Structure formats: structure tokens, C-alpha cells
Amino acid sequence: MMIAPVFSLVVATRGRTAELTDLFVSLAAGQGAAFELILVDQNGDGRLDPVVAASPIPVRHLRTGRAHANAARNLGLRHARGEIVAFPDDDCILPGGTLARVAAAFADPALGVLTGPSASPEGGLGSGRWRGESGPISLGNVWTSVIEFNLWIRRDLALALGGFDEAMGPGARFGSAEGNDLVCRAMAAGHAARYDLDLRVIHPDKRLTPEAVERAHRYGLGLGFALRRHPVPLSARLTFLVRPAGGAVLSLLRGQMLEARYYLATLRGRAAGMLAGPVPPPAPLEPL
């Protein structure tokens, strides 16, 4: 009789190879809990076949012709067998003992979701604004408590909620904040969510590039849409408009045109997302 793993780690991937090897090695280094790794391959070729063959850990290699991060994550979720599911990015590294720490937290049967911040490869916290203390997640602080690659959720809850909303995230109109949205939906369904400042997943820091500026509007749309969908305090909504507006003004005064373009695109996207029409939440998913 096959014993189900404690964790299912679903990795949606496209276009990367060497980074996956680094992730596999980190998982083989000692995590303190049983897990399965589900790789959802969105490439249209066999570039990952040798990477999977050389992996130091077993890999369930799924393929999909749809280049859409949340659709890939949801496909992996439907195949998952573990009690707890997570969705590391294909360029993440999980420090040793990460799974043991998460398993200890989920010993509390009331806990539905656990999150932590990004860690920089150089040390310390990674890109983004992060809460400075651990504690329960609320509609007021979820926006500084969640990143998709460090989000841990009970599998049955994730399936019941319909997984990640496929109208959001990379490859969709609303290009970000799908993790925040999922946690908000879990809390609305009555499940406890907690942020652990010391639960860190290593991820490359974001750099401000012309490509990042091009994505800023779409990412802003996602956050604005998530803020609109949920009964978020008005003060929180206003904060996410004031900050990029202030950043744009300061950047212009300093002659930092790339930064100014980034902040303005972010501001326009967030405002448009807050004004977007309603989108029904996803329907429950059936396991495969």
C-alpha cells in the first residue's frame, strides 16, 4: 500500500533548466518531512527530460500545452496526494528543514494556510514589502504577508476553493496577487491563516528593467483587482495608490525616468484593477 506524502510541491515551469536543478538539490538536502515533487512542464519541447532524469529526487513530470502559470499550478494541485500543498517557483531554493517547520505549524488543526516572506540569495529579506512580525493574517495585512512561492495550504481546502484564480497571475489579464486572493478566499470561508517571518524561501531579487516596467501595469491590475474583490479597509486601498504616486513624483524630481515609468504604470494598473468589473471566483476542483 502506497503511503501518501505529507507535502505535494507543485512547480509550474517554462523556459528554465539550470534553476530547476538547484531547486531539486535543495530539496534533496534534508527537509525533515515526506514529500512528492510535481513538475508541470509548459515547454513545447523536451528540454526538461535530461533535467528530470538527473534529478536527485523523484519527479512526477506532467506536461501541458497551455502557457499559463495558474492553470499549471491547478493541474498539479489536482494530481497532488499530500495533505499540504505548496507552489515553489522554478527558480526558488528551499533551505534545509523548511518542510519540517511547516509540518510543525500544521499540527494545529485549525490552521488552513501558512505563509512566509521571500529571502534574498544575498541574505535578509527579498524584494517586496514584508511584515516585520509573525502572526495571524487579516484583510489589512495580507498584502505584506503573501507570495505564491511561499504559500502552504491544506490540499482539500485548496481544491474546495478552486485553487488559484486563472483570471489572475502570469499569462492572465490580472497579472499578479493570485496568492493574496487565494488566502483572502480561504479566510472568507472561515479558515485561519498565519504568517511566519522566519519561514523563508530563497528567490532571486526583482530588478528594475525595461521588461519589468512593461509588466508593471499588468501586475498593478492584479493587485487592484484583488483589492476590489475583497472587503479590504479603505485605508489599505488608498495606501496602494498613494505609494506609487509618491514614488513617481520623487523619481521624476531625481531624474530617474525608468523608475518614474515603473511607478506610473503600477499606479495606472492598480487604479484600473480597482475599477474592473466583477469576476466570479473559481469553482471547486476535482482531484485526478
C-alpha atoms as a PDB file:
ATOM      1  CA  MET A   1       0.000   0.000   0.000  1.00  0.00           C
ATOM      2  CA  MET A   2       1.411   3.396  -1.001  1.00  0.00           C
ATOM      3  CA  ILE A   3       1.710   5.893   1.843  1.00  0.00           C
ATOM      4  CA  ALA A   4       0.644   9.417   0.863  1.00  0.00           C
ATOM      5  CA  PRO A   5       3.301  12.096   1.307  1.00  0.00           C
ATOM      6  CA  VAL A   6       2.822  14.881   3.818  1.00  0.00           C
ATOM      7  CA  PHE A   7       3.583  17.520   1.179  1.00  0.00           C
ATOM      8  CA  SER A   8       2.948  17.982  -2.520  1.00  0.00           C
ATOM      9  CA  LEU A   9       5.254  20.591  -4.050  1.00  0.00           C
ATOM     10  CA  VAL A  10       3.834  21.788  -7.366  1.00  0.00           C
ATOM     11  CA  VAL A  11       6.353  23.567  -9.602  1.00  0.00           C
ATOM     12  CA  ALA A  12       4.981  25.236 -12.719  1.00  0.00           C
ATOM     13  CA  THR A  13       7.861  25.839 -15.123  1.00  0.00           C
ATOM     14  CA  ARG A  14       8.592  27.335 -18.519  1.00  0.00           C
ATOM     15  CA  GLY A  15      11.891  28.319 -20.095  1.00  0.00           C
ATOM     16  CA  ARG A  16      14.222  27.430 -17.197  1.00  0.00           C
ATOM     17  CA  THR A  17      16.560  24.462 -16.755  1.00  0.00           C
ATOM     18  CA  ALA A  18      19.586  25.125 -14.532  1.00  0.00           C
ATOM     19  CA  GLU A  19      17.433  26.798 -11.879  1.00  0.00           C
ATOM     20  CA  LEU A  20      15.348  23.649 -11.569  1.00  0.00           C
ATOM     21  CA  THR A  21      18.442  21.608 -10.829  1.00  0.00           C
ATOM     22  CA  ASP A  22      19.273  23.990  -7.969  1.00  0.00           C
ATOM     23  CA  LEU A  23      15.748  23.554  -6.579  1.00  0.00           C
ATOM     24  CA  PHE A  24      15.966  19.769  -6.792  1.00  0.00           C
ATOM     25  CA  VAL A  25      19.314  19.757  -4.983  1.00  0.00           C
ATOM     26  CA  SER A  26      17.932  21.941  -2.197  1.00  0.00           C
ATOM     27  CA  LEU A  27      15.033  19.542  -1.704  1.00  0.00           C
ATOM     28  CA  ALA A  28      17.402  16.583  -1.562  1.00  0.00           C
ATOM     29  CA  ALA A  29      19.474  18.244   1.182  1.00  0.00           C
ATOM     30  CA  GLY A  30      17.154  17.268   4.021  1.00  0.00           C
ATOM     31  CA  GLN A  31      13.686  18.666   4.598  1.00  0.00           C
ATOM     32  CA  GLY A  32      12.511  16.599   7.561  1.00  0.00           C
ATOM     33  CA  ALA A  33       9.185  15.513   6.042  1.00  0.00           C
ATOM     34  CA  ALA A  34       7.929  13.230   3.280  1.00  0.00           C
ATOM     35  CA  PHE A  35       7.068  14.990   0.033  1.00  0.00           C
ATOM     36  CA  GLU A  36       6.347  14.494  -3.648  1.00  0.00           C
ATOM     37  CA  LEU A  37       7.504  16.885  -6.340  1.00  0.00           C
ATOM     38  CA  ILE A  38       5.099  17.545  -9.205  1.00  0.00           C
ATOM     39  CA  LEU A  39       6.706  19.359 -12.140  1.00  0.00           C
ATOM     40  CA  VAL A  40       4.177  20.927 -14.522  1.00  0.00           C
ATOM     41  CA  ASP A  41       6.119  21.487 -17.743  1.00  0.00           C
ATOM     42  CA  GLN A  42       4.735  24.256 -20.004  1.00  0.00           C
ATOM     43  CA  ASN A  43       7.568  23.999 -22.547  1.00  0.00           C
ATOM     44  CA  GLY A  44       6.739  22.839 -26.026  1.00  0.00           C
ATOM     45  CA  ASP A  45       9.828  20.659 -26.271  1.00  0.00           C
ATOM     46  CA  GLY A  46      11.764  18.076 -24.295  1.00  0.00           C
ATOM     47  CA  ARG A  47      14.357  20.387 -22.721  1.00  0.00           C
ATOM     48  CA  LEU A  48      13.482  19.210 -19.215  1.00  0.00           C
ATOM     49  CA  ASP A  49      13.787  15.491 -19.908  1.00  0.00           C
ATOM     50  CA  PRO A  50      17.531  15.354 -19.043  1.00  0.00           C
ATOM     51  CA  VAL A  51      16.986  17.624 -16.022  1.00  0.00           C
ATOM     52  CA  VAL A  52      14.325  15.298 -14.652  1.00  0.00           C
ATOM     53  CA  ALA A  53      16.410  12.211 -15.462  1.00  0.00           C
ATOM     54  CA  ALA A  54      19.359  13.616 -13.490  1.00  0.00           C
ATOM     55  CA  SER A  55      17.280  14.787 -10.511  1.00  0.00           C
ATOM     56  CA  PRO A  56      18.472  13.542  -7.098  1.00  0.00           C
ATOM     57  CA  ILE A  57      14.816  13.177  -6.041  1.00  0.00           C
ATOM     58  CA  PRO A  58      11.819  11.549  -7.738  1.00  0.00           C
ATOM     59  CA  VAL A  59       9.850  13.879 -10.004  1.00  0.00           C
ATOM     60  CA  ARG A  60       6.317  13.464 -11.310  1.00  0.00           C
ATOM     61  CA  HIS A  61       6.670  15.112 -14.702  1.00  0.00           C
ATOM     62  CA  LEU A  62       3.398  16.453 -16.107  1.00  0.00           C
ATOM     63  CA  ARG A  63       3.128  18.302 -19.404  1.00  0.00           C
ATOM     64  CA  THR A  64       0.681  20.938 -20.594  1.00  0.00           C
ATOM     65  CA  GLY A  65       0.471  22.868 -23.839  1.00  0.00           C
ATOM     66  CA  ARG A  66      -1.006  25.911 -22.105  1.00  0.00           C
ATOM     67  CA  ALA A  67       1.486  28.597 -21.057  1.00  0.00           C
ATOM     68  CA  HIS A  68      -0.385  29.844 -18.010  1.00  0.00           C
ATOM     69  CA  ALA A  69       1.076  29.735 -14.504  1.00  0.00           C
ATOM     70  CA  ASN A  70      -2.151  29.303 -12.527  1.00  0.00           C
ATOM     71  CA  ALA A  71      -3.586  26.734 -14.927  1.00  0.00           C
ATOM     72  CA  ALA A  72      -0.358  24.749 -14.466  1.00  0.00           C
ATOM     73  CA  ARG A  73      -0.494  25.110 -10.682  1.00  0.00           C
ATOM     74  CA  ASN A  74      -4.111  23.968 -10.632  1.00  0.00           C
ATOM     75  CA  LEU A  75      -3.298  20.964 -12.798  1.00  0.00           C
ATOM     76  CA  GLY A  76      -0.596  19.964 -10.339  1.00  0.00           C
ATOM     77  CA  LEU A  77      -2.970  20.559  -7.425  1.00  0.00           C
ATOM     78  CA  ARG A  78      -5.489  18.146  -8.934  1.00  0.00           C
ATOM     79  CA  HIS A  79      -2.757  15.486  -9.145  1.00  0.00           C
ATOM     80  CA  ALA A  80      -1.470  16.144  -5.619  1.00  0.00           C
ATOM     81  CA  ARG A  81      -1.631  13.443  -2.943  1.00  0.00           C
ATOM     82  CA  GLY A  82      -0.106  15.268   0.011  1.00  0.00           C
ATOM     83  CA  GLU A  83      -2.062  16.736   2.898  1.00  0.00           C
ATOM     84  CA  ILE A  84      -0.344  20.110   2.404  1.00  0.00           C
ATOM     85  CA  VAL A  85       0.350  21.708  -0.977  1.00  0.00           C
ATOM     86  CA  ALA A  86       2.850  24.425  -1.897  1.00  0.00           C
ATOM     87  CA  PHE A  87       3.836  26.034  -5.182  1.00  0.00           C
ATOM     88  CA  PRO A  88       7.569  26.899  -5.296  1.00  0.00           C
ATOM     89  CA  ASP A  89       8.710  28.873  -8.329  1.00  0.00           C
ATOM     90  CA  ASP A  90      11.101  27.136 -10.691  1.00  0.00           C
ATOM     91  CA  ASP A  91      13.942  29.434  -9.566  1.00  0.00           C
ATOM     92  CA  CYS A  92      13.463  29.001  -5.805  1.00  0.00           C
ATOM     93  CA  ILE A  93      15.626  27.277  -3.224  1.00  0.00           C
ATOM     94  CA  LEU A  94      14.123  25.780  -0.062  1.00  0.00           C
ATOM     95  CA  PRO A  95      16.517  25.901   2.892  1.00  0.00           C
ATOM     96  CA  GLY A  96      17.044  22.650   4.784  1.00  0.00           C
ATOM     97  CA  GLY A  97      14.329  21.887   7.315  1.00  0.00           C
ATOM     98  CA  THR A  98      11.697  24.064   5.642  1.00  0.00           C
ATOM     99  CA  LEU A  99       9.162  21.248   5.361  1.00  0.00           C
ATOM    100  CA  ALA A 100       9.704  20.185   8.967  1.00  0.00           C
ATOM    101  CA  ARG A 101       8.953  23.741  10.118  1.00  0.00           C
ATOM    102  CA  VAL A 102       5.774  23.880   8.043  1.00  0.00           C
ATOM    103  CA  ALA A 103       4.638  20.445   9.242  1.00  0.00           C
ATOM    104  CA  ALA A 104       5.029  21.575  12.855  1.00  0.00           C
ATOM    105  CA  ALA A 105       2.829  24.603  12.192  1.00  0.00           C
ATOM    106  CA  PHE A 106       0.119  22.473  10.590  1.00  0.00           C
ATOM    107  CA  ALA A 107      -0.036  20.282  13.689  1.00  0.00           C
ATOM    108  CA  ASP A 108      -2.625  22.897  14.671  1.00  0.00           C
ATOM    109  CA  PRO A 109      -5.801  21.506  13.036  1.00  0.00           C
ATOM    110  CA  ALA A 110      -7.347  24.977  12.880  1.00  0.00           C
ATOM    111  CA  LEU A 111      -4.629  26.278  10.545  1.00  0.00           C
ATOM    112  CA  GLY A 112      -5.652  26.357   6.899  1.00  0.00           C
ATOM    113  CA  VAL A 113      -2.891  28.476   5.338  1.00  0.00           C
ATOM    114  CA  LEU A 114       0.687  29.308   6.288  1.00  0.00           C
ATOM    115  CA  THR A 115       2.862  31.879   4.531  1.00  0.00           C
ATOM    116  CA  GLY A 116       6.304  33.435   4.840  1.00  0.00           C
ATOM    117  CA  PRO A 117       8.400  36.068   3.083  1.00  0.00           C
ATOM    118  CA  SER A 118      10.911  35.885   0.281  1.00  0.00           C
ATOM    119  CA  ALA A 119      14.577  35.606   1.222  1.00  0.00           C
ATOM    120  CA  SER A 120      17.301  37.217  -0.862  1.00  0.00           C
ATOM    121  CA  PRO A 121      20.122  34.977  -2.138  1.00  0.00           C
ATOM    122  CA  GLU A 122      22.494  37.516  -0.562  1.00  0.00           C
ATOM    123  CA  GLY A 123      20.809  37.202   2.836  1.00  0.00           C
ATOM    124  CA  GLY A 124      17.973  39.003   4.587  1.00  0.00           C
ATOM    125  CA  LEU A 125      14.506  39.546   3.211  1.00  0.00           C
ATOM    126  CA  GLY A 126      13.966  39.596  -0.523  1.00  0.00           C
ATOM    127  CA  SER A 127      12.217  42.048  -2.807  1.00  0.00           C
ATOM    128  CA  GLY A 128       8.892  43.484  -1.707  1.00  0.00           C
ATOM    129  CA  ARG A 129       7.324  44.907   1.421  1.00  0.00           C
ATOM    130  CA  TRP A 130       7.170  42.349   4.223  1.00  0.00           C
ATOM    131  CA  ARG A 131       5.573  42.397   7.635  1.00  0.00           C
ATOM    132  CA  GLY A 132       8.117  42.671  10.402  1.00  0.00           C
ATOM    133  CA  GLU A 133       6.433  40.256  12.799  1.00  0.00           C
ATOM    134  CA  SER A 134       4.768  36.849  12.689  1.00  0.00           C
ATOM    135  CA  GLY A 135       1.072  36.484  13.422  1.00  0.00           C
ATOM    136  CA  PRO A 136      -2.431  35.954  12.068  1.00  0.00           C
ATOM    137  CA  ILE A 137      -3.224  37.197   8.581  1.00  0.00           C
ATOM    138  CA  SER A 138      -6.102  39.636   8.097  1.00  0.00           C
ATOM    139  CA  LEU A 139      -7.575  41.618   5.212  1.00  0.00           C
ATOM    140  CA  GLY A 140      -5.474  44.542   6.386  1.00  0.00           C
ATOM    141  CA  ASN A 141      -2.078  42.805   6.401  1.00  0.00           C
ATOM    142  CA  VAL A 142      -2.454  40.028   3.807  1.00  0.00           C
ATOM    143  CA  TRP A 143      -0.859  42.341   1.220  1.00  0.00           C
ATOM    144  CA  THR A 144       2.514  42.219   3.005  1.00  0.00           C
ATOM    145  CA  SER A 145       2.208  38.587   4.121  1.00  0.00           C
ATOM    146  CA  VAL A 146       1.876  36.525   0.942  1.00  0.00           C
ATOM    147  CA  ILE A 147       3.976  35.450  -2.015  1.00  0.00           C
ATOM    148  CA  GLU A 148       2.900  32.498  -4.139  1.00  0.00           C
ATOM    149  CA  PHE A 149       6.161  30.556  -3.862  1.00  0.00           C
ATOM    150  CA  ASN A 150       5.973  30.566  -0.046  1.00  0.00           C
ATOM    151  CA  LEU A 151       2.288  29.750   0.384  1.00  0.00           C
ATOM    152  CA  TRP A 152       1.304  26.471   2.110  1.00  0.00           C
ATOM    153  CA  ILE A 153      -2.302  25.308   2.159  1.00  0.00           C
ATOM    154  CA  ARG A 154      -4.195  22.156   3.052  1.00  0.00           C
ATOM    155  CA  ARG A 155      -4.905  20.288  -0.178  1.00  0.00           C
ATOM    156  CA  ASP A 156      -8.597  19.683   0.495  1.00  0.00           C
ATOM    157  CA  LEU A 157      -9.095  23.384   1.215  1.00  0.00           C
ATOM    158  CA  ALA A 158      -7.257  24.427  -1.947  1.00  0.00           C
ATOM    159  CA  LEU A 159      -9.407  22.097  -4.056  1.00  0.00           C
ATOM    160  CA  ALA A 160     -12.629  23.315  -2.417  1.00  0.00           C
ATOM    161  CA  LEU A 161     -11.665  26.921  -3.168  1.00  0.00           C
ATOM    162  CA  GLY A 162     -10.935  26.146  -6.827  1.00  0.00           C
ATOM    163  CA  GLY A 163      -7.202  26.692  -6.451  1.00  0.00           C
ATOM    164  CA  PHE A 164      -5.655  29.800  -7.936  1.00  0.00           C
ATOM    165  CA  ASP A 165      -7.970  32.022  -9.970  1.00  0.00           C
ATOM    166  CA  GLU A 166      -6.980  31.541 -13.618  1.00  0.00           C
ATOM    167  CA  ALA A 167      -8.143  35.076 -14.427  1.00  0.00           C
ATOM    168  CA  MET A 168      -5.115  36.203 -12.408  1.00  0.00           C
ATOM    169  CA  GLY A 169      -1.360  35.682 -12.437  1.00  0.00           C
ATOM    170  CA  PRO A 170       1.266  35.365 -15.206  1.00  0.00           C
ATOM    171  CA  GLY A 171      -0.404  34.720 -18.543  1.00  0.00           C
ATOM    172  CA  ALA A 172      -3.706  36.346 -17.484  1.00  0.00           C
ATOM    173  CA  ARG A 173      -5.213  39.831 -17.658  1.00  0.00           C
ATOM    174  CA  PHE A 174      -4.836  40.431 -13.928  1.00  0.00           C
ATOM    175  CA  GLY A 175      -1.163  39.579 -13.775  1.00  0.00           C
ATOM    176  CA  SER A 176      -0.450  39.284 -10.034  1.00  0.00           C
ATOM    177  CA  ALA A 177      -1.839  38.915  -6.485  1.00  0.00           C
ATOM    178  CA  GLU A 178      -3.332  35.481  -7.107  1.00  0.00           C
ATOM    179  CA  GLY A 179      -1.772  34.263  -3.859  1.00  0.00           C
ATOM    180  CA  ASN A 180      -3.260  37.137  -1.868  1.00  0.00           C
ATOM    181  CA  ASP A 181      -6.621  36.389  -3.474  1.00  0.00           C
ATOM    182  CA  LEU A 182      -6.440  32.696  -2.575  1.00  0.00           C
ATOM    183  CA  VAL A 183      -5.609  33.479   1.062  1.00  0.00           C
ATOM    184  CA  CYS A 184      -8.464  36.014   1.223  1.00  0.00           C
ATOM    185  CA  ARG A 185     -10.893  33.424  -0.113  1.00  0.00           C
ATOM    186  CA  ALA A 186      -9.660  30.904   2.460  1.00  0.00           C
ATOM    187  CA  MET A 187     -10.197  33.400   5.278  1.00  0.00           C
ATOM    188  CA  ALA A 188     -13.655  34.286   3.933  1.00  0.00           C
ATOM    189  CA  ALA A 189     -14.511  30.586   4.144  1.00  0.00           C
ATOM    190  CA  GLY A 190     -13.618  30.637   7.846  1.00  0.00           C
ATOM    191  CA  HIS A 191     -10.083  29.193   7.777  1.00  0.00           C
ATOM    192  CA  ALA A 192      -7.202  30.560   9.829  1.00  0.00           C
ATOM    193  CA  ALA A 193      -4.142  31.897   8.008  1.00  0.00           C
ATOM    194  CA  ARG A 194      -0.815  32.707   9.624  1.00  0.00           C
ATOM    195  CA  TYR A 195       2.382  34.478   8.566  1.00  0.00           C
ATOM    196  CA  ASP A 196       5.739  33.207   9.844  1.00  0.00           C
ATOM    197  CA  LEU A 197       8.504  35.792   9.412  1.00  0.00           C
ATOM    198  CA  ASP A 198      11.195  33.118   9.834  1.00  0.00           C
ATOM    199  CA  LEU A 199       9.741  30.732   7.232  1.00  0.00           C
ATOM    200  CA  ARG A 200      11.758  31.873   4.223  1.00  0.00           C
ATOM    201  CA  VAL A 201      12.118  30.615   0.677  1.00  0.00           C
ATOM    202  CA  ILE A 202      15.084  31.921  -1.300  1.00  0.00           C
ATOM    203  CA  HIS A 203      14.201  33.621  -4.563  1.00  0.00           C
ATOM    204  CA  PRO A 204      16.162  35.940  -6.884  1.00  0.00           C
ATOM    205  CA  ASP A 205      15.529  39.609  -6.130  1.00  0.00           C
ATOM    206  CA  LYS A 206      13.478  41.525  -8.647  1.00  0.00           C
ATOM    207  CA  ARG A 207      15.423  44.032 -10.722  1.00  0.00           C
ATOM    208  CA  LEU A 208      14.065  47.178 -12.297  1.00  0.00           C
ATOM    209  CA  THR A 209      14.444  46.656 -16.032  1.00  0.00           C
ATOM    210  CA  PRO A 210      12.533  47.868 -19.104  1.00  0.00           C
ATOM    211  CA  GLU A 211      10.811  44.463 -19.114  1.00  0.00           C
ATOM    212  CA  ALA A 212       9.731  44.998 -15.505  1.00  0.00           C
ATOM    213  CA  VAL A 213       8.252  48.356 -16.486  1.00  0.00           C
ATOM    214  CA  GLU A 214       6.271  46.656 -19.263  1.00  0.00           C
ATOM    215  CA  ARG A 215       4.865  44.157 -16.724  1.00  0.00           C
ATOM    216  CA  ALA A 216       4.097  46.799 -14.096  1.00  0.00           C
ATOM    217  CA  HIS A 217       0.674  47.722 -15.475  1.00  0.00           C
ATOM    218  CA  ARG A 218      -0.459  44.096 -15.644  1.00  0.00           C
ATOM    219  CA  TYR A 219       0.859  43.395 -12.168  1.00  0.00           C
ATOM    220  CA  GLY A 220      -0.851  46.523 -10.903  1.00  0.00           C
ATOM    221  CA  LEU A 221      -4.100  45.335 -12.471  1.00  0.00           C
ATOM    222  CA  GLY A 222      -3.850  42.112 -10.477  1.00  0.00           C
ATOM    223  CA  LEU A 223      -3.320  43.793  -7.132  1.00  0.00           C
ATOM    224  CA  GLY A 224      -6.015  46.380  -7.813  1.00  0.00           C
ATOM    225  CA  PHE A 225      -8.464  43.641  -8.775  1.00  0.00           C
ATOM    226  CA  ALA A 226      -7.715  41.663  -5.616  1.00  0.00           C
ATOM    227  CA  LEU A 227      -8.201  44.785  -3.502  1.00  0.00           C
ATOM    228  CA  ARG A 228     -11.560  45.360  -5.210  1.00  0.00           C
ATOM    229  CA  ARG A 229     -12.768  41.756  -4.912  1.00  0.00           C
ATOM    230  CA  HIS A 230     -12.400  41.555  -1.138  1.00  0.00           C
ATOM    231  CA  PRO A 231     -13.762  43.834   1.636  1.00  0.00           C
ATOM    232  CA  VAL A 232     -10.401  45.453   2.252  1.00  0.00           C
ATOM    233  CA  PRO A 233     -10.225  48.508   4.544  1.00  0.00           C
ATOM    234  CA  LEU A 234     -10.302  51.774   2.588  1.00  0.00           C
ATOM    235  CA  SER A 235      -7.043  52.852   4.203  1.00  0.00           C
ATOM    236  CA  ALA A 236      -5.270  49.835   2.707  1.00  0.00           C
ATOM    237  CA  ARG A 237      -6.659  50.546  -0.750  1.00  0.00           C
ATOM    238  CA  LEU A 238      -5.596  54.168  -0.627  1.00  0.00           C
ATOM    239  CA  THR A 239      -2.107  53.199   0.532  1.00  0.00           C
ATOM    240  CA  PHE A 240      -1.584  51.177  -2.643  1.00  0.00           C
ATOM    241  CA  LEU A 241      -2.432  54.223  -4.755  1.00  0.00           C
ATOM    242  CA  VAL A 242      -0.532  56.818  -2.748  1.00  0.00           C
ATOM    243  CA  ARG A 243       2.754  54.874  -2.683  1.00  0.00           C
ATOM    244  CA  PRO A 244       3.285  54.578  -6.450  1.00  0.00           C
ATOM    245  CA  ALA A 245       2.068  58.149  -6.946  1.00  0.00           C
ATOM    246  CA  GLY A 246       4.659  59.363  -4.454  1.00  0.00           C
ATOM    247  CA  GLY A 247       7.326  57.147  -5.982  1.00  0.00           C
ATOM    248  CA  ALA A 248       6.626  58.588  -9.432  1.00  0.00           C
ATOM    249  CA  VAL A 249       6.920  62.162  -8.195  1.00  0.00           C
ATOM    250  CA  LEU A 250      10.181  61.518  -6.344  1.00  0.00           C
ATOM    251  CA  SER A 251      11.664  59.656  -9.310  1.00  0.00           C
ATOM    252  CA  LEU A 252      10.807  62.492 -11.672  1.00  0.00           C
ATOM    253  CA  LEU A 253      12.387  65.025  -9.320  1.00  0.00           C
ATOM    254  CA  ARG A 254      15.555  62.919  -9.222  1.00  0.00           C
ATOM    255  CA  GLY A 255      15.622  62.429 -12.985  1.00  0.00           C
ATOM    256  CA  GLN A 256      15.154  58.642 -12.617  1.00  0.00           C
ATOM    257  CA  MET A 257      12.964  58.129 -15.654  1.00  0.00           C
ATOM    258  CA  LEU A 258      12.883  54.332 -15.655  1.00  0.00           C
ATOM    259  CA  GLU A 259      11.707  54.318 -12.043  1.00  0.00           C
ATOM    260  CA  ALA A 260       9.122  57.017 -12.802  1.00  0.00           C
ATOM    261  CA  ARG A 261       7.723  54.963 -15.690  1.00  0.00           C
ATOM    262  CA  TYR A 262       7.531  51.918 -13.427  1.00  0.00           C
ATOM    263  CA  TYR A 263       5.624  53.743 -10.688  1.00  0.00           C
ATOM    264  CA  LEU A 264       3.245  55.393 -13.138  1.00  0.00           C
ATOM    265  CA  ALA A 265       2.459  52.086 -14.847  1.00  0.00           C
ATOM    266  CA  THR A 266       1.892  50.496 -11.449  1.00  0.00           C
ATOM    267  CA  LEU A 267      -0.436  53.326 -10.406  1.00  0.00           C
ATOM    268  CA  ARG A 268      -2.461  53.142 -13.617  1.00  0.00           C
ATOM    269  CA  GLY A 269      -2.743  49.375 -13.327  1.00  0.00           C
ATOM    270  CA  ARG A 270      -3.860  49.396  -9.700  1.00  0.00           C
ATOM    271  CA  ALA A 271      -6.459  52.076 -10.354  1.00  0.00           C
ATOM    272  CA  ALA A 272      -7.810  50.167 -13.368  1.00  0.00           C
ATOM    273  CA  GLY A 273      -7.911  46.936 -11.362  1.00  0.00           C
ATOM    274  CA  MET A 274      -9.904  48.583  -8.594  1.00  0.00           C
ATOM    275  CA  LEU A 275     -12.432  49.749 -11.200  1.00  0.00           C
ATOM    276  CA  ALA A 276     -12.620  46.437 -13.084  1.00  0.00           C
ATOM    277  CA  GLY A 277     -15.875  44.555 -13.347  1.00  0.00           C
ATOM    278  CA  PRO A 278     -16.567  41.547 -11.127  1.00  0.00           C
ATOM    279  CA  VAL A 279     -15.167  38.118 -11.998  1.00  0.00           C
ATOM    280  CA  PRO A 280     -16.781  35.063 -10.355  1.00  0.00           C
ATOM    281  CA  PRO A 281     -14.454  33.131  -8.046  1.00  0.00           C
ATOM    282  CA  PRO A 282     -13.270  29.777  -9.402  1.00  0.00           C
ATOM    283  CA  ALA A 283     -15.382  26.657  -8.982  1.00  0.00           C
ATOM    284  CA  PRO A 284     -14.130  23.772  -6.804  1.00  0.00           C
ATOM    285  CA  LEU A 285     -11.574  21.465  -8.435  1.00  0.00           C
ATOM    286  CA  GLU A 286     -11.877  17.686  -8.648  1.00  0.00           C
ATOM    287  CA  PRO A 287      -8.764  15.650  -7.798  1.00  0.00           C
ATOM    288  CA  LEU A 288      -7.344  13.474 -10.560  1.00  0.00           C
END
